[in-house]
Amino acid sequence: MAESPLQMTVRLRAKIEQRKARAKRWSDAYEGERPLMFASPEFSTQTGDLFADFSDNWCATVPDATVERLMPIGFRLEDGSIDQAAGRAWRKSECDVEIGLALLEALITGRSYALVWKPDGLNTEITFQHASNAVVEYVPGRRRLRKAGLMVWRDSGVEFATLFTPDMVYRWQRPTRNGGAWTGRTAGLSRGEPSHIPNPLGVVPLVELPNRSRLHGSPRSELATVLPLQDAVNTLWAHLMTGSDYLALPARAVLGMDRPVREIVDPDSGEVVGEEDLPLDRFRSDRLLWLEKDTARIAEFSAGDLGNYLKVIEAAVQHIAAQTRTPPHYLIGQLVNVSADALAASEAGLVAKVTERQRHFGAALREVMRLEALAAGEGARAESLSLGSVVWRDPQFRSDSQYSDALVKLKAIGVPDEALWERIPGVTPDEIARWKSMRNDQASAILGGNVAELFGPKPESEPDEPADELAEAA
């Protein structure tokens, strides 16, 4: 029996609810909201909620170090040329800003989503969605062919859902109270507008941006490796700070002397009715103590060495760096006077990881821009974009002198100027097109003999001095 659109909506929404718990777990870890783990019951009973809000958060450093090097700056067509129309559509939807947020969420939770749609029926808009609000289902046995996509959100006590299929778009709503039933949407629609409409694109416009997708298995969060070591680091810091209360300062003991006491006097009779221990707070504050017995002596317990905790914490941080391919200087936080080659070698693992992510995310972004071209009614450009590539910023950070030296050497072996300009970090295709136009204008001015257009008019020379003045000066 075929599944109805409403049944598919309910089933995919249940899948989103199942993923919400995992997405929240990774999001909380990124924000440093982690309970104290690996602590004994005795320690937890003793400290209570003292360390409830404490976290030495490394879960934010690892994805941040990756996403700051993931920056798409353009899209190439099949012939290798830059698609200017795709660049305009990309900036018009402010994707140059929000792509960083979408990729960061994909690194944290394992996936995020991009929607290509015309909300007003005229202008194409690209928006990015969180993993707790969207899901894509694929045709069985074909991991790249999307069967359906669902988006859900809540507003003013009403839950909304939009189911995208290649043929139709189904729009639902239901009240959030008392578990109301799904009905066709009416909120936000004009009078007489149907709840379910044909899909003008002919494909599911919701695209998944997966992080490190495997042939078998779900996309994986970057924090899956970090979190156990993060919990261990938090517990070690808790033990260190708790032990510092007892072991950080030397302790002294008085031997061979009765403990200090004071008499308890009855206020009515004035008689001594007992004695009580004398508080030691006064001795601590005044730093003064009388030793009246000849046999009294003072012993001292030296302060404990808390450096062992720091050594274990440092080892855990080094394991995080090795397992996530994060440069050590990102985690240690110390500037080391090393050469440029040594610094590049230390970042080789991170650069290789970012390059790998560029392949996975680049395939999804190509599909997003293909849908944008289809929405614009340009089928040929859409086909060319699907066979093109994404232009990424160089993931290797280098100094200006290193880039300049490399470009000069490439120029010496005949690499064209346009190819050299593309290697300059942060240079967009629009800037390269502007440079080409400026170069052509400069060449036209030289060939046309209009040098004044380049350098300005020739300055007027000073008038010749009279001959008699020259002779006198001689």
Protein backbone atom coordinates (compact mmCIF):
# COMPACT_ATOMS: atom_id res chain seq x y z
CA MET A 1 0.00 0.00 0.00
CA ALA A 2 1.40 3.37 -1.04
CA GLU A 3 2.19 5.87 1.70
CA SER A 4 0.02 8.98 1.68
CA PRO A 5 1.57 12.48 1.92
CA LEU A 6 0.16 12.92 5.42
CA GLN A 7 1.58 9.59 6.58
CA MET A 8 4.98 10.52 5.12
CA THR A 9 4.83 13.88 6.93
CA VAL A 10 4.09 12.20 10.27
CA ARG A 11 6.86 9.63 9.75
CA LEU A 12 9.53 12.16 8.74
CA ARG A 13 8.53 14.46 11.60
CA ALA A 14 9.10 11.54 14.01
CA LYS A 15 12.57 11.12 12.50
CA ILE A 16 13.30 14.80 13.18
CA GLU A 17 12.19 14.38 16.79
CA GLN A 18 14.55 11.43 17.18
CA ARG A 19 17.46 13.48 15.88
CA LYS A 20 16.68 16.47 18.10
CA ALA A 21 18.11 14.80 21.20
CA ARG A 22 21.44 14.09 19.48
CA ALA A 23 21.56 17.54 17.93
CA LYS A 24 20.94 19.14 21.33
CA ARG A 25 23.65 17.01 22.89
CA TRP A 26 26.25 18.21 20.40
CA SER A 27 25.03 21.80 20.57
CA ASP A 28 25.24 21.81 24.37
CA ALA A 29 28.75 20.37 24.17
CA TYR A 30 29.81 23.14 21.79
CA GLU A 31 28.46 25.73 24.24
CA GLY A 32 30.34 24.08 27.13
CA GLU A 33 27.21 22.87 28.89
CA ARG A 34 28.35 19.49 30.16
CA PRO A 35 27.64 17.74 33.47
CA LEU A 36 30.60 16.52 35.50
CA MET A 37 31.42 13.00 34.34
CA PHE A 38 33.78 10.23 35.53
CA ALA A 39 33.60 11.45 39.17
CA SER A 40 33.11 8.99 42.01
CA PRO A 41 29.84 9.06 43.99
CA GLU A 42 31.79 10.20 47.06
CA PHE A 43 33.25 13.17 45.18
CA SER A 44 29.85 14.14 43.77
CA THR A 45 28.30 13.96 47.22
CA GLN A 46 31.07 16.11 48.69
CA THR A 47 31.06 18.85 46.02
CA GLY A 48 27.37 18.83 45.08
CA ASP A 49 26.68 21.39 42.32
CA LEU A 50 29.91 23.29 42.89
CA PHE A 51 31.18 22.48 39.37
CA ALA A 52 27.81 22.41 37.60
CA ASP A 53 28.62 25.46 35.44
CA PHE A 54 32.33 24.79 34.97
CA SER A 55 33.83 23.58 31.69
CA ASP A 56 37.29 23.89 30.16
CA ASN A 57 35.62 23.89 26.75
CA TRP A 58 37.65 22.40 23.88
CA CYS A 59 34.53 21.36 21.99
CA ALA A 60 34.25 24.85 20.50
CA THR A 61 37.88 25.11 19.40
CA VAL A 62 37.90 22.05 17.15
CA PRO A 63 34.96 22.94 14.82
CA ASP A 64 35.87 26.64 14.89
CA ALA A 65 39.38 25.84 13.66
CA THR A 66 37.87 23.94 10.72
CA VAL A 67 35.05 26.26 9.70
CA GLU A 68 37.26 29.36 9.63
CA ARG A 69 39.08 27.78 6.66
CA LEU A 70 35.91 26.72 4.82
CA MET A 71 34.98 29.75 2.72
CA PRO A 72 33.37 29.34 -0.73
CA ILE A 73 33.97 32.42 -2.90
CA GLY A 74 32.55 31.41 -6.29
CA PHE A 75 31.17 28.73 -8.60
CA ARG A 76 32.64 27.46 -11.85
CA LEU A 77 30.74 26.17 -14.85
CA GLU A 78 31.69 23.02 -16.72
CA ASP A 79 34.12 24.93 -18.96
CA GLY A 80 35.97 26.34 -15.95
CA SER A 81 34.62 29.90 -16.22
CA ILE A 82 33.11 31.70 -13.25
CA ASP A 83 29.31 31.78 -13.12
CA GLN A 84 28.54 35.44 -12.42
CA ALA A 85 24.79 34.79 -12.15
CA ALA A 86 25.34 32.20 -9.42
CA GLY A 87 27.55 34.65 -7.54
CA ARG A 88 24.86 37.33 -7.65
CA ALA A 89 22.18 34.92 -6.45
CA TRP A 90 24.52 33.74 -3.69
CA ARG A 91 25.09 37.26 -2.39
CA LYS A 92 21.47 38.31 -2.88
CA SER A 93 20.39 35.65 -0.37
CA GLU A 94 23.28 36.67 1.97
CA CYS A 95 24.69 33.18 1.66
CA ASP A 96 28.21 34.60 1.84
CA VAL A 97 27.38 35.37 5.48
CA GLU A 98 25.17 32.46 6.48
CA ILE A 99 27.20 29.70 4.85
CA GLY A 100 29.66 29.89 7.73
CA LEU A 101 26.82 29.30 10.20
CA ALA A 102 25.45 26.41 8.15
CA LEU A 103 28.83 24.70 7.84
CA LEU A 104 29.51 25.20 11.54
CA GLU A 105 26.21 23.51 12.43
CA ALA A 106 27.06 20.68 10.05
CA LEU A 107 30.41 20.18 11.80
CA ILE A 108 28.75 20.26 15.24
CA THR A 109 25.60 18.20 14.69
CA GLY A 110 26.70 16.20 11.64
CA ARG A 111 24.43 17.84 9.07
CA SER A 112 22.57 20.98 8.09
CA TYR A 113 20.25 21.79 5.19
CA ALA A 114 19.77 24.34 2.40
CA LEU A 115 16.40 25.23 0.87
CA VAL A 116 16.04 26.79 -2.59
CA TRP A 117 12.56 28.24 -3.02
CA LYS A 118 10.50 31.20 -4.20
CA PRO A 119 8.50 32.27 -1.12
CA ASP A 120 6.73 35.03 -3.05
CA GLY A 121 6.57 33.10 -6.30
CA LEU A 122 8.94 35.53 -8.04
CA ASN A 123 12.35 35.83 -6.37
CA THR A 124 14.52 32.81 -5.64
CA GLU A 125 15.77 32.61 -2.07
CA ILE A 126 18.41 30.31 -0.55
CA THR A 127 18.06 29.65 3.19
CA PHE A 128 19.88 27.30 5.55
CA GLN A 129 18.12 25.12 8.11
CA HIS A 130 19.19 23.43 11.35
CA ALA A 131 19.19 19.65 11.68
CA SER A 132 16.40 19.83 14.29
CA ASN A 133 14.05 21.51 11.79
CA ALA A 134 14.55 19.57 8.55
CA VAL A 135 15.16 16.12 7.12
CA VAL A 136 15.77 14.66 3.66
CA GLU A 137 14.82 11.13 2.65
CA TYR A 138 16.57 9.39 -0.24
CA VAL A 139 15.43 6.78 -2.71
CA PRO A 140 16.46 3.35 -1.34
CA GLY A 141 19.79 2.32 -2.81
CA ARG A 142 20.52 5.78 -4.27
CA ARG A 143 22.18 8.04 -1.74
CA ARG A 144 22.10 11.16 -3.94
CA LEU A 145 18.56 10.98 -5.31
CA ARG A 146 16.22 12.77 -2.94
CA LYS A 147 12.78 11.22 -2.51
CA ALA A 148 11.26 13.84 -0.15
CA GLY A 149 12.15 16.60 2.26
CA LEU A 150 10.35 17.96 5.31
CA MET A 151 10.65 21.22 7.22
CA VAL A 152 8.90 21.86 10.56
CA TRP A 153 8.70 24.92 12.81
CA ARG A 154 6.44 26.45 15.47
CA ASP A 155 4.92 29.89 15.74
CA SER A 156 2.22 31.33 18.03
CA GLY A 157 1.00 28.00 19.36
CA VAL A 158 0.82 26.39 15.92
CA GLU A 159 3.16 23.81 14.44
CA PHE A 160 3.78 24.03 10.70
CA ALA A 161 5.17 21.41 8.33
CA THR A 162 6.05 21.57 4.64
CA LEU A 163 6.58 18.32 2.74
CA PHE A 164 8.52 18.62 -0.54
CA THR A 165 8.24 15.91 -3.17
CA PRO A 166 9.36 16.08 -6.80
CA ASP A 167 5.77 16.62 -7.94
CA MET A 168 3.95 18.41 -5.12
CA VAL A 169 4.48 20.61 -2.07
CA TYR A 170 2.18 19.79 0.87
CA ARG A 171 1.71 22.44 3.54
CA TRP A 172 0.26 21.43 6.91
CA GLN A 173 -0.51 22.95 10.30
CA ARG A 174 -1.81 21.77 13.65
CA PRO A 175 -2.27 23.28 17.14
CA THR A 176 0.53 22.44 19.55
CA ARG A 177 -1.87 21.97 22.48
CA ASN A 178 -3.59 18.66 23.12
CA GLY A 179 -1.91 17.00 20.14
CA GLY A 180 -4.22 18.32 17.44
CA ALA A 181 -4.51 16.66 14.03
CA TRP A 182 -2.70 17.85 10.91
CA THR A 183 -4.81 19.85 8.48
CA GLY A 184 -4.11 21.82 5.33
CA ARG A 185 -2.43 25.13 6.08
CA THR A 186 -4.44 28.31 6.12
CA ALA A 187 -2.27 30.57 8.29
CA GLY A 188 -0.08 32.89 6.25
CA LEU A 189 -1.84 32.09 2.97
CA SER A 190 -3.98 34.48 0.98
CA ARG A 191 -7.72 33.89 0.61
CA GLY A 192 -8.39 31.07 -1.79
CA GLU A 193 -4.74 29.95 -1.99
CA PRO A 194 -4.55 26.14 -1.86
CA SER A 195 -2.61 24.38 0.87
CA HIS A 196 -0.97 21.95 -1.54
CA ILE A 197 0.66 23.23 -4.73
CA PRO A 198 2.64 21.69 -7.61
CA ASN A 199 6.43 21.74 -7.33
CA PRO A 200 7.68 24.00 -10.15
CA LEU A 201 11.27 22.68 -9.90
CA GLY A 202 10.43 19.04 -10.44
CA VAL A 203 12.96 17.98 -7.75
CA VAL A 204 13.10 18.17 -3.97
CA PRO A 205 14.43 21.69 -3.24
CA LEU A 206 15.83 20.71 0.19
CA VAL A 207 19.53 19.71 0.10
CA GLU A 208 21.49 18.06 2.91
CA LEU A 209 24.97 19.33 3.83
CA PRO A 210 26.51 16.25 5.50
CA ASN A 211 29.76 16.16 7.44
CA ARG A 212 32.05 13.22 6.63
CA SER A 213 29.39 11.01 5.16
CA ARG A 214 30.36 7.34 4.96
CA LEU A 215 29.20 4.73 2.52
CA HIS A 216 27.46 3.04 5.42
CA GLY A 217 26.35 5.12 8.37
CA SER A 218 25.06 8.57 9.20
CA PRO A 219 27.02 11.82 9.01
CA ARG A 220 29.24 12.30 12.04
CA SER A 221 29.78 15.19 14.42
CA GLU A 222 33.30 16.57 14.83
CA LEU A 223 32.72 16.41 18.59
CA ALA A 224 32.25 12.64 18.72
CA THR A 225 35.97 12.18 19.37
CA VAL A 226 36.40 15.25 21.55
CA LEU A 227 33.58 14.72 24.03
CA PRO A 228 35.00 11.80 26.11
CA LEU A 229 38.33 13.60 26.52
CA GLN A 230 36.47 16.84 27.26
CA ASP A 231 34.62 15.14 30.13
CA ALA A 232 37.90 13.76 31.47
CA VAL A 233 39.53 17.22 31.38
CA ASN A 234 36.59 18.77 33.25
CA THR A 235 36.80 16.12 35.97
CA LEU A 236 40.56 16.54 36.33
CA TRP A 237 40.14 20.31 36.75
CA ALA A 238 37.48 19.69 39.40
CA HIS A 239 39.83 17.37 41.29
CA LEU A 240 42.66 19.88 40.96
CA MET A 241 40.65 22.80 42.32
CA THR A 242 39.17 20.70 45.11
CA GLY A 243 42.59 19.39 46.09
CA SER A 244 44.03 22.90 46.11
CA ASP A 245 41.82 23.73 49.10
CA TYR A 246 43.56 21.03 51.14
CA LEU A 247 46.95 20.51 49.56
CA ALA A 248 48.08 23.76 47.96
CA LEU A 249 49.26 25.35 51.25
CA PRO A 250 51.50 23.74 53.88
CA ALA A 251 49.69 22.55 57.03
CA ARG A 252 51.10 22.84 60.56
CA ALA A 253 50.41 20.79 63.66
CA VAL A 254 51.24 21.42 67.35
CA LEU A 255 52.53 18.31 69.18
CA GLY A 256 53.03 17.66 72.88
CA MET A 257 50.53 20.26 74.10
CA ASP A 258 46.96 20.22 75.34
CA ARG A 259 44.48 21.60 72.89
CA PRO A 260 43.45 25.21 73.56
CA VAL A 261 40.24 25.43 75.64
CA ARG A 262 38.38 28.10 77.50
CA GLU A 263 36.24 27.89 80.63
CA ILE A 264 32.47 28.16 80.60
CA VAL A 265 31.27 30.36 83.45
CA ASP A 266 27.73 30.40 84.84
CA PRO A 267 26.60 34.04 84.53
CA ASP A 268 24.43 33.78 87.66
CA SER A 269 26.82 32.09 90.12
CA GLY A 270 30.13 32.96 88.46
CA GLU A 271 31.28 29.38 88.84
CA VAL A 272 33.11 27.40 86.19
CA VAL A 273 30.69 24.82 84.88
CA GLY A 274 32.75 23.38 82.04
CA GLU A 275 35.10 24.08 79.20
CA GLU A 276 34.99 24.23 75.41
CA ASP A 277 37.51 24.16 72.57
CA LEU A 278 38.98 27.54 71.85
CA PRO A 279 38.22 28.63 68.23
CA LEU A 280 41.34 28.68 66.09
CA ASP A 281 40.12 31.42 63.78
CA ARG A 282 41.70 34.09 65.98
CA PHE A 283 45.06 32.32 65.89
CA ARG A 284 44.88 32.07 62.09
CA SER A 285 44.04 35.73 61.64
CA ASP A 286 46.56 37.04 64.21
CA ARG A 287 49.18 34.49 63.21
CA LEU A 288 50.08 34.14 66.86
CA LEU A 289 50.13 31.14 69.16
CA TRP A 290 51.43 30.70 72.73
CA LEU A 291 53.18 27.44 73.51
CA GLU A 292 53.43 27.19 77.29
CA LYS A 293 54.67 23.62 77.64
CA ASP A 294 58.32 22.83 77.25
CA THR A 295 57.50 19.68 75.34
CA ALA A 296 55.43 21.48 72.72
CA ARG A 297 56.80 21.51 69.22
CA ILE A 298 55.55 22.31 65.74
CA ALA A 299 55.42 19.90 62.80
CA GLU A 300 54.65 20.76 59.17
CA PHE A 301 53.07 18.92 56.27
CA SER A 302 54.45 20.22 52.99
CA ALA A 303 52.10 21.36 50.21
CA GLY A 304 50.94 18.75 47.74
CA ASP A 305 52.23 18.77 44.15
CA LEU A 306 49.25 19.64 41.94
CA GLY A 307 51.37 19.58 38.81
CA ASN A 308 50.51 15.93 38.23
CA TYR A 309 46.94 16.96 37.42
CA LEU A 310 48.23 19.48 34.88
CA LYS A 311 50.38 16.84 33.20
CA VAL A 312 47.38 14.57 32.68
CA ILE A 313 45.26 17.49 31.41
CA GLU A 314 48.02 18.43 28.98
CA ALA A 315 48.19 14.83 27.73
CA ALA A 316 44.40 14.80 27.17
CA VAL A 317 44.59 18.06 25.19
CA GLN A 318 47.39 16.61 23.05
CA HIS A 319 45.20 13.59 22.34
CA ILE A 320 42.42 15.94 21.23
CA ALA A 321 44.85 17.68 18.89
CA ALA A 322 46.09 14.40 17.40
CA GLN A 323 42.70 12.75 16.96
CA THR A 324 41.00 15.81 15.45
CA ARG A 325 44.02 16.98 13.41
CA THR A 326 43.91 20.37 15.11
CA PRO A 327 47.27 22.20 15.24
CA PRO A 328 48.79 22.09 18.74
CA HIS A 329 49.22 25.87 18.86
CA TYR A 330 45.43 26.21 18.50
CA LEU A 331 44.92 24.28 21.74
CA ILE A 332 47.99 25.11 23.79
CA GLY A 333 47.58 28.83 23.20
CA GLN A 334 51.28 29.64 23.18
CA LEU A 335 53.17 31.52 20.50
CA VAL A 336 56.21 29.54 19.47
CA ASN A 337 59.09 31.08 17.55
CA VAL A 338 59.21 28.62 14.67
CA SER A 339 59.93 29.00 10.98
CA ALA A 340 57.23 29.33 8.34
CA ASP A 341 57.96 25.80 7.06
CA ALA A 342 57.61 24.32 10.53
CA LEU A 343 54.33 26.18 11.08
CA ALA A 344 52.99 24.93 7.75
CA ALA A 345 53.96 21.37 8.67
CA SER A 346 52.12 21.63 12.00
CA GLU A 347 48.96 22.71 10.14
CA ALA A 348 49.22 20.06 7.42
CA GLY A 349 46.70 17.77 9.14
CA LEU A 350 44.10 20.51 9.50
CA VAL A 351 44.58 21.63 5.89
CA ALA A 352 44.13 18.05 4.68
CA LYS A 353 40.96 17.69 6.76
CA VAL A 354 39.53 20.96 5.44
CA THR A 355 40.32 19.90 1.86
CA GLU A 356 38.42 16.68 2.47
CA ARG A 357 35.42 18.63 3.83
CA GLN A 358 35.52 20.87 0.78
CA ARG A 359 34.80 17.86 -1.42
CA HIS A 360 31.79 16.75 0.62
CA PHE A 361 30.31 20.19 1.18
CA GLY A 362 31.21 21.27 -2.36
CA ALA A 363 29.02 18.55 -3.89
CA ALA A 364 26.06 19.75 -1.83
CA LEU A 365 26.69 23.41 -2.71
CA ARG A 366 26.87 22.56 -6.42
CA GLU A 367 23.44 20.98 -6.09
CA VAL A 368 22.13 24.07 -4.29
CA MET A 369 23.26 26.36 -7.10
CA ARG A 370 21.92 23.93 -9.69
CA LEU A 371 18.50 24.27 -8.06
CA GLU A 372 18.90 28.05 -8.10
CA ALA A 373 19.53 27.95 -11.86
CA LEU A 374 16.49 25.69 -12.34
CA ALA A 375 14.36 28.11 -10.32
CA ALA A 376 15.60 30.91 -12.58
CA GLY A 377 14.51 28.90 -15.64
CA GLU A 378 18.06 28.36 -16.95
CA GLY A 379 18.29 24.63 -17.56
CA ALA A 380 21.56 24.78 -19.53
CA ARG A 381 23.31 26.74 -16.79
CA ALA A 382 21.94 24.30 -14.20
CA GLU A 383 23.44 21.36 -16.09
CA SER A 384 26.77 23.15 -16.44
CA LEU A 385 26.84 23.97 -12.72
CA SER A 386 26.24 20.34 -11.81
CA LEU A 387 29.43 19.45 -13.70
CA GLY A 388 31.38 22.45 -12.43
CA SER A 389 33.09 23.08 -9.12
CA VAL A 390 33.11 25.34 -6.08
CA VAL A 391 35.89 27.89 -5.70
CA TRP A 392 37.16 27.79 -2.11
CA ARG A 393 39.53 30.11 -0.33
CA ASP A 394 42.97 28.60 0.17
CA PRO A 395 42.78 26.61 3.45
CA GLN A 396 46.49 27.14 4.06
CA PHE A 397 47.22 30.40 5.89
CA ARG A 398 50.39 32.05 4.56
CA SER A 399 52.00 35.43 4.93
CA ASP A 400 51.84 38.04 2.16
CA SER A 401 55.53 37.54 1.42
CA GLN A 402 55.02 33.79 0.94
CA TYR A 403 52.14 34.36 -1.47
CA SER A 404 54.09 37.01 -3.37
CA ASP A 405 57.15 34.80 -3.71
CA ALA A 406 55.07 31.87 -4.94
CA LEU A 407 53.17 34.01 -7.47
CA VAL A 408 56.38 35.50 -8.87
CA LYS A 409 57.85 32.03 -9.40
CA LEU A 410 54.64 30.80 -11.07
CA LYS A 411 54.65 33.86 -13.31
CA ALA A 412 58.22 33.04 -14.35
CA ILE A 413 57.14 29.67 -15.75
CA GLY A 414 54.32 31.21 -17.80
CA VAL A 415 51.21 30.85 -15.61
CA PRO A 416 48.57 33.37 -16.85
CA ASP A 417 47.75 36.39 -14.73
CA GLU A 418 44.14 35.30 -14.16
CA ALA A 419 45.29 31.98 -12.71
CA LEU A 420 47.72 33.83 -10.42
CA TRP A 421 45.04 36.24 -9.22
CA GLU A 422 42.81 33.32 -8.27
CA ARG A 423 45.51 32.09 -5.90
CA ILE A 424 45.51 35.31 -3.88
CA PRO A 425 43.52 34.62 -0.67
CA GLY A 426 40.26 36.47 -0.29
CA VAL A 427 40.11 37.68 -3.90
CA THR A 428 36.62 37.15 -5.30
CA PRO A 429 35.75 36.44 -8.96
CA ASP A 430 34.19 39.91 -9.19
CA GLU A 431 37.50 41.50 -8.22
CA ILE A 432 39.33 39.42 -10.81
CA ALA A 433 36.88 40.54 -13.50
CA ARG A 434 37.45 44.15 -12.45
CA TRP A 435 41.23 43.69 -12.65
CA LYS A 436 40.92 42.22 -16.14
CA SER A 437 38.87 45.21 -17.25
CA MET A 438 41.41 47.62 -15.77
CA ARG A 439 44.26 45.76 -17.49
CA ASN A 440 42.47 45.90 -20.84
CA ASP A 441 41.82 49.61 -20.44
CA GLN A 442 45.48 50.14 -19.63
CA ALA A 443 46.60 48.19 -22.72
CA SER A 444 44.18 50.11 -24.93
CA ALA A 445 45.51 53.41 -23.66
CA ILE A 446 49.11 52.41 -24.39
CA LEU A 447 48.39 51.08 -27.87
CA GLY A 448 46.31 54.14 -28.67
CA GLY A 449 49.11 56.48 -27.66
CA ASN A 450 47.03 58.02 -24.89
CA VAL A 451 49.68 57.77 -22.18
CA ALA A 452 48.25 60.81 -20.47
CA GLU A 453 45.18 58.73 -19.57
CA LEU A 454 47.39 56.44 -17.51
CA PHE A 455 49.87 58.81 -15.95
CA GLY A 456 48.21 62.20 -16.32
CA PRO A 457 49.28 65.12 -18.50
CA LYS A 458 52.95 65.95 -18.88
CA PRO A 459 53.98 68.63 -16.36
CA GLU A 460 54.83 72.01 -17.83
CA SER A 461 58.55 72.84 -17.84
CA GLU A 462 59.99 75.99 -16.30
CA PRO A 463 60.58 78.92 -18.78
CA ASP A 464 64.15 79.32 -19.99
CA GLU A 465 66.21 81.88 -18.11
CA PRO A 466 67.55 84.92 -20.03
CA ALA A 467 70.98 84.53 -21.59
CA ASP A 468 72.55 87.40 -19.66
CA GLU A 469 71.45 85.83 -16.36
CA LEU A 470 73.01 82.54 -17.41
CA ALA A 471 76.26 84.25 -18.31
CA GLU A 472 76.31 86.10 -15.03
CA ALA A 473 75.70 82.92 -13.14
CA ALA A 474 78.58 81.27 -15.04
